[in-house]
C-alpha cells in the first residue's frame, strides 16, 4: 500500500473530531480495498493499521505501513 499522497499531519486541528475520523477512514479505506486485491490482507486490517500508525491521520505515514516501506514494484 502506498499512502505517499496522504499527508494528514494536523488533520485533527479543526472541525468535529468524529467528522475528521470519518473523512480519514473514507479516504484510506479506498486505498485499503485496492491493497486487499493485491495482497489478500483484509481492507479492514489495513485501515486499522493506518489508524494506529498515524493516530487517526494526525501523523503522516508516508509510504510506510506495517513497518514495511513501499517500493516501486
PDB file of N, CA and C in Angstrom:
ATOM      1  N   UNK A   1       0.841  -1.179   0.000  1.00  0.00           N
ATOM      2  CA  UNK A   1       0.000   0.000   0.000  1.00  0.00           C
ATOM      3  C   UNK A   1       0.877   1.229   0.000  1.00  0.00           C
ATOM      4  N   UNK A   2       0.538   2.150  -0.817  1.00  0.00           N
ATOM      5  CA  UNK A   2       1.275   3.399  -0.827  1.00  0.00           C
ATOM      6  C   UNK A   2       0.367   4.528  -0.389  1.00  0.00           C
ATOM      7  N   UNK A   3       0.678   5.073   0.765  1.00  0.00           N
ATOM      8  CA  UNK A   3      -0.069   6.223   1.279  1.00  0.00           C
ATOM      9  C   UNK A   3       0.754   7.476   1.083  1.00  0.00           C
ATOM     10  N   UNK A   4       1.677   7.415   0.160  1.00  0.00           N
ATOM     11  CA  UNK A   4       2.597   8.510  -0.093  1.00  0.00           C
ATOM     12  C   UNK A   4       1.856   9.830  -0.277  1.00  0.00           C
ATOM     13  N   UNK A   5       0.702   9.797  -0.964  1.00  0.00           N
ATOM     14  CA  UNK A   5      -0.019  11.026  -1.255  1.00  0.00           C
ATOM     15  C   UNK A   5      -0.872  11.491  -0.083  1.00  0.00           C
ATOM     16  N   UNK A   6      -1.028  10.650   0.923  1.00  0.00           N
ATOM     17  CA  UNK A   6      -1.854  11.032   2.072  1.00  0.00           C
ATOM     18  C   UNK A   6      -0.983  11.671   3.139  1.00  0.00           C
ATOM     19  N   UNK A   7      -1.183  12.918   3.367  1.00  0.00           N
ATOM     20  CA  UNK A   7      -0.464  13.623   4.421  1.00  0.00           C
ATOM     21  C   UNK A   7      -1.509  14.278   5.303  1.00  0.00           C
ATOM     22  N   UNK A   8      -1.811  13.605   6.406  1.00  0.00           N
ATOM     23  CA  UNK A   8      -2.851  14.086   7.303  1.00  0.00           C
ATOM     24  C   UNK A   8      -2.281  14.839   8.493  1.00  0.00           C
ATOM     25  N   UNK A   9      -1.027  15.242   8.423  1.00  0.00           N
ATOM     26  CA  UNK A   9      -0.465  15.996   9.528  1.00  0.00           C
ATOM     27  C   UNK A   9      -1.342  17.185   9.867  1.00  0.00           C
ATOM     28  N   UNK A  10      -1.775  17.277  11.104  1.00  0.00           N
ATOM     29  CA  UNK A  10      -2.618  18.377  11.530  1.00  0.00           C
ATOM     30  C   UNK A  10      -4.083  18.197  11.181  1.00  0.00           C
ATOM     31  N   UNK A  11      -4.470  17.020  10.701  1.00  0.00           N
ATOM     32  CA  UNK A  11      -5.854  16.773  10.317  1.00  0.00           C
ATOM     33  C   UNK A  11      -6.815  17.045  11.455  1.00  0.00           C
ATOM     34  N   UNK A  12      -6.413  16.702  12.655  1.00  0.00           N
ATOM     35  CA  UNK A  12      -7.336  16.795  13.783  1.00  0.00           C
ATOM     36  C   UNK A  12      -7.373  18.181  14.415  1.00  0.00           C
ATOM     37  N   UNK A  13      -6.870  19.179  13.720  1.00  0.00           N
ATOM     38  CA  UNK A  13      -6.797  20.511  14.323  1.00  0.00           C
ATOM     39  C   UNK A  13      -8.054  21.342  14.123  1.00  0.00           C
ATOM     40  N   UNK A  14      -8.971  20.937  13.242  1.00  0.00           N
ATOM     41  CA  UNK A  14     -10.171  21.733  13.025  1.00  0.00           C
ATOM     42  C   UNK A  14     -11.363  20.852  12.735  1.00  0.00           C
ATOM     43  N   UNK A  15     -12.571  21.380  12.906  1.00  0.00           N
ATOM     44  CA  UNK A  15     -13.787  20.621  12.640  1.00  0.00           C
ATOM     45  C   UNK A  15     -14.075  19.615  13.730  1.00  0.00           C
ATOM     46  N   UNK A  16     -15.178  18.898  13.577  1.00  0.00           N
ATOM     47  CA  UNK A  16     -15.533  17.921  14.607  1.00  0.00           C
ATOM     48  C   UNK A  16     -14.626  16.706  14.505  1.00  0.00           C
ATOM     49  N   UNK A  17     -14.253  16.183  15.629  1.00  0.00           N
ATOM     50  CA  UNK A  17     -13.358  15.026  15.691  1.00  0.00           C
ATOM     51  C   UNK A  17     -13.974  13.834  14.961  1.00  0.00           C
ATOM     52  N   UNK A  18     -15.260  13.605  15.168  1.00  0.00           N
ATOM     53  CA  UNK A  18     -15.919  12.471  14.528  1.00  0.00           C
ATOM     54  C   UNK A  18     -15.924  12.628  13.001  1.00  0.00           C
ATOM     55  N   UNK A  19     -16.183  13.820  12.515  1.00  0.00           N
ATOM     56  CA  UNK A  19     -16.192  14.054  11.069  1.00  0.00           C
ATOM     57  C   UNK A  19     -14.803  13.866  10.475  1.00  0.00           C
ATOM     58  N   UNK A  20     -13.775  14.293  11.173  1.00  0.00           N
ATOM     59  CA  UNK A  20     -12.401  14.124  10.689  1.00  0.00           C
ATOM     60  C   UNK A  20     -12.020  12.659  10.650  1.00  0.00           C
ATOM     61  N   UNK A  21     -12.440  11.899  11.645  1.00  0.00           N
ATOM     62  CA  UNK A  21     -12.163  10.458  11.641  1.00  0.00           C
ATOM     63  C   UNK A  21     -12.898   9.776  10.496  1.00  0.00           C
ATOM     64  N   UNK A  22     -14.119  10.184  10.255  1.00  0.00           N
ATOM     65  CA  UNK A  22     -14.900   9.623   9.150  1.00  0.00           C
ATOM     66  C   UNK A  22     -14.217   9.918   7.810  1.00  0.00           C
ATOM     67  N   UNK A  23     -13.731  11.134   7.637  1.00  0.00           N
ATOM     68  CA  UNK A  23     -13.031  11.517   6.417  1.00  0.00           C
ATOM     69  C   UNK A  23     -11.770  10.671   6.228  1.00  0.00           C
ATOM     70  N   UNK A  24     -10.997  10.528   7.297  1.00  0.00           N
ATOM     71  CA  UNK A  24      -9.777   9.728   7.242  1.00  0.00           C
ATOM     72  C   UNK A  24     -10.103   8.294   6.838  1.00  0.00           C
ATOM     73  N   UNK A  25     -11.095   7.696   7.481  1.00  0.00           N
ATOM     74  CA  UNK A  25     -11.457   6.314   7.186  1.00  0.00           C
ATOM     75  C   UNK A  25     -11.933   6.157   5.742  1.00  0.00           C
ATOM     76  N   UNK A  26     -12.707   7.099   5.259  1.00  0.00           N
ATOM     77  CA  UNK A  26     -13.223   7.025   3.891  1.00  0.00           C
ATOM     78  C   UNK A  26     -12.090   7.053   2.876  1.00  0.00           C
ATOM     79  N   UNK A  27     -11.168   7.969   3.050  1.00  0.00           N
ATOM     80  CA  UNK A  27     -10.072   8.107   2.094  1.00  0.00           C
ATOM     81  C   UNK A  27      -9.088   6.945   2.157  1.00  0.00           C
ATOM     82  N   UNK A  28      -8.761   6.506   3.357  1.00  0.00           N
ATOM     83  CA  UNK A  28      -7.799   5.420   3.492  1.00  0.00           C
ATOM     84  C   UNK A  28      -8.427   4.085   3.097  1.00  0.00           C
ATOM     85  N   UNK A  29      -9.721   3.935   3.340  1.00  0.00           N
ATOM     86  CA  UNK A  29     -10.379   2.667   3.008  1.00  0.00           C
ATOM     87  C   UNK A  29     -10.334   2.391   1.508  1.00  0.00           C
ATOM     88  N   UNK A  30     -10.438   3.411   0.688  1.00  0.00           N
ATOM     89  CA  UNK A  30     -10.339   3.228  -0.763  1.00  0.00           C
ATOM     90  C   UNK A  30      -8.986   2.614  -1.138  1.00  0.00           C
ATOM     91  N   UNK A  31      -7.938   3.101  -0.518  1.00  0.00           N
ATOM     92  CA  UNK A  31      -6.593   2.556  -0.759  1.00  0.00           C
ATOM     93  C   UNK A  31      -6.502   1.142  -0.202  1.00  0.00           C
ATOM     94  N   UNK A  32      -7.091   0.933   0.968  1.00  0.00           N
ATOM     95  CA  UNK A  32      -7.057  -0.386   1.606  1.00  0.00           C
ATOM     96  C   UNK A  32      -7.762  -1.438   0.746  1.00  0.00           C
ATOM     97  N   UNK A  33      -8.837  -1.066   0.088  1.00  0.00           N
ATOM     98  CA  UNK A  33      -9.538  -2.006  -0.793  1.00  0.00           C
ATOM     99  C   UNK A  33      -8.660  -2.425  -1.970  1.00  0.00           C
ATOM    100  N   UNK A  34      -7.940  -1.478  -2.549  1.00  0.00           N
ATOM    101  CA  UNK A  34      -7.019  -1.804  -3.643  1.00  0.00           C
ATOM    102  C   UNK A  34      -5.893  -2.698  -3.148  1.00  0.00           C
ATOM    103  N   UNK A  35      -5.437  -2.426  -1.947  1.00  0.00           N
ATOM    104  CA  UNK A  35      -4.368  -3.224  -1.357  1.00  0.00           C
ATOM    105  C   UNK A  35      -4.840  -4.647  -1.098  1.00  0.00           C
ATOM    106  N   UNK A  36      -6.086  -4.785  -0.653  1.00  0.00           N
ATOM    107  CA  UNK A  36      -6.636  -6.119  -0.392  1.00  0.00           C
ATOM    108  C   UNK A  36      -6.617  -6.986  -1.648  1.00  0.00           C
ATOM    109  N   UNK A  37      -6.949  -6.410  -2.775  1.00  0.00           N
ATOM    110  CA  UNK A  37      -6.951  -7.146  -4.036  1.00  0.00           C
ATOM    111  C   UNK A  37      -5.548  -7.655  -4.370  1.00  0.00           C
ATOM    112  N   UNK A  38      -4.544  -6.826  -4.113  1.00  0.00           N
ATOM    113  CA  UNK A  38      -3.162  -7.192  -4.450  1.00  0.00           C
ATOM    114  C   UNK A  38      -2.534  -8.147  -3.445  1.00  0.00           C
ATOM    115  N   UNK A  39      -2.894  -8.005  -2.154  1.00  0.00           N
ATOM    116  CA  UNK A  39      -2.168  -8.722  -1.106  1.00  0.00           C
ATOM    117  C   UNK A  39      -2.983  -9.761  -0.337  1.00  0.00           C
ATOM    118  N   UNK A  40      -4.295  -9.741  -0.507  1.00  0.00           N
ATOM    119  CA  UNK A  40      -5.201 -10.601   0.262  1.00  0.00           C
ATOM    120  C   UNK A  40      -5.222 -10.268   1.748  1.00  0.00           C
ATOM    121  N   UNK A  41      -4.672  -9.136   2.127  1.00  0.00           N
ATOM    122  CA  UNK A  41      -4.799  -8.653   3.505  1.00  0.00           C
ATOM    123  C   UNK A  41      -6.122  -7.897   3.564  1.00  0.00           C
ATOM    124  N   UNK A  42      -7.033  -8.280   4.466  1.00  0.00           N
ATOM    125  CA  UNK A  42      -8.340  -7.624   4.523  1.00  0.00           C
ATOM    126  C   UNK A  42      -8.216  -6.102   4.658  1.00  0.00           C
ATOM    127  N   UNK A  43      -9.040  -5.396   3.900  1.00  0.00           N
ATOM    128  CA  UNK A  43      -9.020  -3.933   3.911  1.00  0.00           C
ATOM    129  C   UNK A  43      -9.206  -3.385   5.323  1.00  0.00           C
ATOM    130  N   UNK A  44     -10.012  -4.056   6.118  1.00  0.00           N
ATOM    131  CA  UNK A  44     -10.259  -3.589   7.484  1.00  0.00           C
ATOM    132  C   UNK A  44      -8.994  -3.635   8.337  1.00  0.00           C
ATOM    133  N   UNK A  45      -8.159  -4.641   8.081  1.00  0.00           N
ATOM    134  CA  UNK A  45      -6.893  -4.766   8.816  1.00  0.00           C
ATOM    135  C   UNK A  45      -5.947  -3.642   8.409  1.00  0.00           C
ATOM    136  N   UNK A  46      -5.877  -3.369   7.110  1.00  0.00           N
ATOM    137  CA  UNK A  46      -5.022  -2.288   6.609  1.00  0.00           C
ATOM    138  C   UNK A  46      -5.494  -0.951   7.171  1.00  0.00           C
ATOM    139  N   UNK A  47      -6.809  -0.738   7.165  1.00  0.00           N
ATOM    140  CA  UNK A  47      -7.368   0.506   7.704  1.00  0.00           C
ATOM    141  C   UNK A  47      -7.042   0.646   9.187  1.00  0.00           C
ATOM    142  N   UNK A  48      -7.227  -0.412   9.943  1.00  0.00           N
ATOM    143  CA  UNK A  48      -6.933  -0.369  11.382  1.00  0.00           C
ATOM    144  C   UNK A  48      -5.461  -0.053  11.632  1.00  0.00           C
ATOM    145  N   UNK A  49      -4.579  -0.653  10.839  1.00  0.00           N
ATOM    146  CA  UNK A  49      -3.147  -0.391  10.999  1.00  0.00           C
ATOM    147  C   UNK A  49      -2.821   1.064  10.664  1.00  0.00           C
ATOM    148  N   UNK A  50      -3.445   1.595   9.622  1.00  0.00           N
ATOM    149  CA  UNK A  50      -3.230   3.001   9.255  1.00  0.00           C
ATOM    150  C   UNK A  50      -3.704   3.926  10.371  1.00  0.00           C
ATOM    151  N   UNK A  51      -4.825   3.585  11.000  1.00  0.00           N
ATOM    152  CA  UNK A  51      -5.326   4.382  12.121  1.00  0.00           C
ATOM    153  C   UNK A  51      -4.319   4.365  13.263  1.00  0.00           C
ATOM    154  N   UNK A  52      -3.808   3.176  13.584  1.00  0.00           N
ATOM    155  CA  UNK A  52      -2.840   3.053  14.681  1.00  0.00           C
ATOM    156  C   UNK A  52      -1.544   3.794  14.387  1.00  0.00           C
ATOM    157  N   UNK A  53      -1.002   3.584  13.187  1.00  0.00           N
ATOM    158  CA  UNK A  53       0.304   4.162  12.862  1.00  0.00           C
ATOM    159  C   UNK A  53       0.261   5.668  12.670  1.00  0.00           C
ATOM    160  N   UNK A  54      -0.898   6.201  12.288  1.00  0.00           N
ATOM    161  CA  UNK A  54      -0.975   7.642  12.020  1.00  0.00           C
ATOM    162  C   UNK A  54      -1.721   8.417  13.099  1.00  0.00           C
ATOM    163  N   UNK A  55      -2.237   7.702  14.128  1.00  0.00           N
ATOM    164  CA  UNK A  55      -3.046   8.340  15.165  1.00  0.00           C
ATOM    165  C   UNK A  55      -4.224   9.090  14.531  1.00  0.00           C
ATOM    166  N   UNK A  56      -5.000   8.340  13.745  1.00  0.00           N
ATOM    167  CA  UNK A  56      -6.172   8.881  13.053  1.00  0.00           C
ATOM    168  C   UNK A  56      -5.803   9.993  12.088  1.00  0.00           C
ATOM    169  N   UNK A  57      -4.639   9.904  11.486  1.00  0.00           N
ATOM    170  CA  UNK A  57      -4.238  10.889  10.493  1.00  0.00           C
ATOM    171  C   UNK A  57      -3.498  12.083  11.061  1.00  0.00           C
ATOM    172  N   UNK A  58      -3.257  12.104  12.354  1.00  0.00           N
ATOM    173  CA  UNK A  58      -2.538  13.223  12.968  1.00  0.00           C
ATOM    174  C   UNK A  58      -1.076  13.240  12.536  1.00  0.00           C
ATOM    175  N   UNK A  59      -0.529  12.078  12.212  1.00  0.00           N
ATOM    176  CA  UNK A  59       0.864  11.960  11.770  1.00  0.00           C
ATOM    177  C   UNK A  59       0.876  11.314  10.393  1.00  0.00           C
ATOM    178  N   UNK A  60       1.620  11.879   9.476  1.00  0.00           N
ATOM    179  CA  UNK A  60       1.722  11.311   8.132  1.00  0.00           C
ATOM    180  C   UNK A  60       2.449   9.978   8.199  1.00  0.00           C
ATOM    181  N   UNK A  61       1.924   8.979   7.477  1.00  0.00           N
ATOM    182  CA  UNK A  61       2.587   7.676   7.459  1.00  0.00           C
ATOM    183  C   UNK A  61       3.411   7.479   6.196  1.00  0.00           C
ATOM    184  N   UNK A  62       3.355   8.430   5.289  1.00  0.00           N
ATOM    185  CA  UNK A  62       4.161   8.347   4.071  1.00  0.00           C
ATOM    186  C   UNK A  62       3.874   7.087   3.297  1.00  0.00           C
ATOM    187  N   UNK A  63       4.899   6.401   2.876  1.00  0.00           N
ATOM    188  CA  UNK A  63       4.719   5.153   2.135  1.00  0.00           C
ATOM    189  C   UNK A  63       5.137   3.964   2.987  1.00  0.00           C
ATOM    190  N   UNK A  64       4.961   4.074   4.279  1.00  0.00           N
ATOM    191  CA  UNK A  64       5.403   3.045   5.206  1.00  0.00           C
ATOM    192  C   UNK A  64       4.227   2.644   6.095  1.00  0.00           C
ATOM    193  N   UNK A  65       3.822   1.380   5.994  1.00  0.00           N
ATOM    194  CA  UNK A  65       2.760   0.868   6.848  1.00  0.00           C
ATOM    195  C   UNK A  65       3.110  -0.567   7.211  1.00  0.00           C
ATOM    196  N   UNK A  66       2.726  -1.023   8.360  1.00  0.00           N
ATOM    197  CA  UNK A  66       3.091  -2.338   8.898  1.00  0.00           C
ATOM    198  C   UNK A  66       4.610  -2.425   9.089  1.00  0.00           C
ATOM    199  N   UNK A  67       5.268  -1.288   9.179  1.00  0.00           N
ATOM    200  CA  UNK A  67       6.718  -1.294   9.336  1.00  0.00           C
ATOM    201  C   UNK A  67       7.444  -1.713   8.070  1.00  0.00           C
ATOM    202  N   UNK A  68       6.731  -1.729   6.934  1.00  0.00           N
ATOM    203  CA  UNK A  68       7.313  -2.137   5.658  1.00  0.00           C
ATOM    204  C   UNK A  68       7.275  -0.946   4.716  1.00  0.00           C
ATOM    205  N   UNK A  69       8.426  -0.545   4.247  1.00  0.00           N
ATOM    206  CA  UNK A  69       8.493   0.596   3.334  1.00  0.00           C
ATOM    207  C   UNK A  69       8.088   0.151   1.926  1.00  0.00           C
ATOM    208  N   UNK A  70       7.149   0.858   1.339  1.00  0.00           N
ATOM    209  CA  UNK A  70       6.679   0.514  -0.006  1.00  0.00           C
ATOM    210  C   UNK A  70       7.747   0.839  -1.028  1.00  0.00           C
ATOM    211  N   UNK A  71       7.878  -0.045  -1.977  1.00  0.00           N
ATOM    212  CA  UNK A  71       8.831   0.172  -3.055  1.00  0.00           C
ATOM    213  C   UNK A  71       8.122   0.494  -4.341  1.00  0.00           C
ATOM    214  N   UNK A  72       8.849   0.457  -5.422  1.00  0.00           N
ATOM    215  CA  UNK A  72       8.274   0.779  -6.724  1.00  0.00           C
ATOM    216  C   UNK A  72       7.813  -0.458  -7.474  1.00  0.00           C
ATOM    217  N   UNK A  73       7.891  -1.614  -6.854  1.00  0.00           N
ATOM    218  CA  UNK A  73       7.494  -2.859  -7.552  1.00  0.00           C
ATOM    219  C   UNK A  73       6.011  -3.007  -7.663  1.00  0.00           C
TER     220      UNK A  73
END
